[in-house]
C-alpha atoms as a PDB file:
ATOM      1  CA  MET A   1      58.910  50.835 234.964  1.00  0.00           C
ATOM      2  CA  VAL A   2      62.541  51.267 233.976  1.00  0.00           C
ATOM      3  CA  TYR A   3      64.881  48.811 232.279  1.00  0.00           C
ATOM      4  CA  GLN A   4      68.593  49.631 232.262  1.00  0.00           C
ATOM      5  CA  TYR A   5      71.090  48.266 229.764  1.00  0.00           C
ATOM      6  CA  GLU A   6      74.823  48.668 229.456  1.00  0.00           C
ATOM      7  CA  LEU A   7      76.495  48.430 226.063  1.00  0.00           C
ATOM      8  CA  ILE A   8      79.659  46.654 227.144  1.00  0.00           C
ATOM      9  CA  GLU A   9      81.620  47.322 223.969  1.00  0.00           C
ATOM     10  CA  PHE A  10      81.074  51.090 223.647  1.00  0.00           C
ATOM     11  CA  GLU A  11      81.544  54.274 225.609  1.00  0.00           C
ATOM     12  CA  ALA A  12      78.541  56.587 225.502  1.00  0.00           C
ATOM     13  CA  ASP A  13      80.234  59.150 223.248  1.00  0.00           C
ATOM     14  CA  GLU A  14      80.962  56.469 220.623  1.00  0.00           C
ATOM     15  CA  ILE A  15      77.253  55.997 219.891  1.00  0.00           C
ATOM     16  CA  ASP A  16      75.307  58.074 217.372  1.00  0.00           C
ATOM     17  CA  VAL A  17      72.189  58.595 219.492  1.00  0.00           C
ATOM     18  CA  VAL A  18      69.869  59.474 216.596  1.00  0.00           C
ATOM     19  CA  SER A  19      70.805  56.342 214.634  1.00  0.00           C
ATOM     20  CA  PHE A  20      70.724  54.165 217.748  1.00  0.00           C
ATOM     21  CA  GLU A  21      67.222  55.340 218.713  1.00  0.00           C
ATOM     22  CA  ALA A  22      65.966  54.900 215.158  1.00  0.00           C
ATOM     23  CA  GLU A  23      67.193  51.303 215.081  1.00  0.00           C
ATOM     24  CA  VAL A  24      66.053  50.307 218.575  1.00  0.00           C
ATOM     25  CA  ARG A  25      62.699  52.085 219.019  1.00  0.00           C
ATOM     26  CA  GLN A  26      60.608  49.882 216.694  1.00  0.00           C
ATOM     27  CA  SER A  27      61.967  46.653 218.147  1.00  0.00           C
ATOM     28  CA  LEU A  28      61.169  47.913 221.665  1.00  0.00           C
ATOM     29  CA  ILE A  29      57.602  48.730 220.626  1.00  0.00           C
ATOM     30  CA  GLU A  30      57.212  45.254 219.147  1.00  0.00           C
ATOM     31  CA  GLU A  31      58.693  43.681 222.286  1.00  0.00           C
ATOM     32  CA  VAL A  32      56.269  45.559 224.543  1.00  0.00           C
ATOM     33  CA  MET A  33      53.254  44.835 222.352  1.00  0.00           C
ATOM     34  CA  ASN A  34      54.037  41.096 222.259  1.00  0.00           C
ATOM     35  CA  SER A  35      54.605  40.673 225.997  1.00  0.00           C
ATOM     36  CA  ASN A  36      52.863  41.059 229.335  1.00  0.00           C
ATOM     37  CA  LEU A  37      53.948  44.711 229.315  1.00  0.00           C
ATOM     38  CA  ARG A  38      51.229  45.476 226.785  1.00  0.00           C
ATOM     39  CA  ALA A  39      48.525  45.417 229.492  1.00  0.00           C
ATOM     40  CA  LEU A  40      50.464  47.975 231.535  1.00  0.00           C
ATOM     41  CA  VAL A  41      50.909  50.268 228.543  1.00  0.00           C
ATOM     42  CA  GLU A  42      47.212  49.960 227.688  1.00  0.00           C
ATOM     43  CA  GLN A  43      46.451  51.171 231.230  1.00  0.00           C
ATOM     44  CA  GLY A  44      48.680  54.218 230.778  1.00  0.00           C
ATOM     45  CA  ALA A  45      52.065  53.038 232.067  1.00  0.00           C
ATOM     46  CA  VAL A  46      55.297  54.321 230.559  1.00  0.00           C
ATOM     47  CA  ILE A  47      58.060  51.772 230.046  1.00  0.00           C
ATOM     48  CA  SER A  48      61.502  53.384 229.965  1.00  0.00           C
ATOM     49  CA  PHE A  49      64.569  51.769 228.467  1.00  0.00           C
ATOM     50  CA  LYS A  50      67.813  53.448 229.589  1.00  0.00           C
ATOM     51  CA  TYR A  51      71.035  52.711 227.753  1.00  0.00           C
ATOM     52  CA  TYR A  52      74.526  53.335 229.118  1.00  0.00           C
ATOM     53  CA  GLY A  53      77.995  52.949 227.731  1.00  0.00           C
ATOM     54  CA  TYR A  54      80.541  50.828 229.573  1.00  0.00           C
ATOM     55  CA  ASP A  55      81.858  54.118 230.999  1.00  0.00           C
ATOM     56  CA  GLN A  56      78.536  54.362 232.939  1.00  0.00           C
ATOM     57  CA  GLU A  57      77.510  57.488 231.008  1.00  0.00           C
ATOM     58  CA  GLU A  58      73.923  57.575 229.754  1.00  0.00           C
ATOM     59  CA  ILE A  59      73.492  57.211 226.022  1.00  0.00           C
ATOM     60  CA  THR A  60      69.725  57.696 225.812  1.00  0.00           C
ATOM     61  CA  THR A  61      66.364  56.857 227.328  1.00  0.00           C
ATOM     62  CA  ILE A  62      63.592  55.562 225.097  1.00  0.00           C
ATOM     63  CA  ASN A  63      60.095  55.789 226.555  1.00  0.00           C
ATOM     64  CA  ILE A  64      57.347  53.516 225.287  1.00  0.00           C
ATOM     65  CA  ASN A  65      53.748  54.446 226.073  1.00  0.00           C
ATOM     66  CA  ARG A  66      50.265  54.067 224.628  1.00  0.00           C
ATOM     67  CA  PHE A  67      50.947  56.824 222.089  1.00  0.00           C
ATOM     68  CA  THR A  68      54.205  55.357 220.756  1.00  0.00           C
ATOM     69  CA  CYS A  69      52.375  52.003 220.509  1.00  0.00           C
ATOM     70  CA  LYS A  70      49.367  53.701 218.841  1.00  0.00           C
ATOM     71  CA  ILE A  71      46.957  52.502 221.539  1.00  0.00           C
ATOM     72  CA  VAL A  72      44.203  55.067 222.022  1.00  0.00           C
END
């Protein structure tokens, strides 16, 4: 499953990818674990969150799976 987001105020090259991922990853894990997506992840699904700048260039993709959620 893939979610795509566009950051409407930034071009892709204006984003510090390392800092962006560090800030966003934990909130995505919490979002998945507190929603209906949790059941999919528990069954082995990978949920991908793709982020783009308003220039349509990809900034990053953050994948959430049972390992990032610490579900074994």
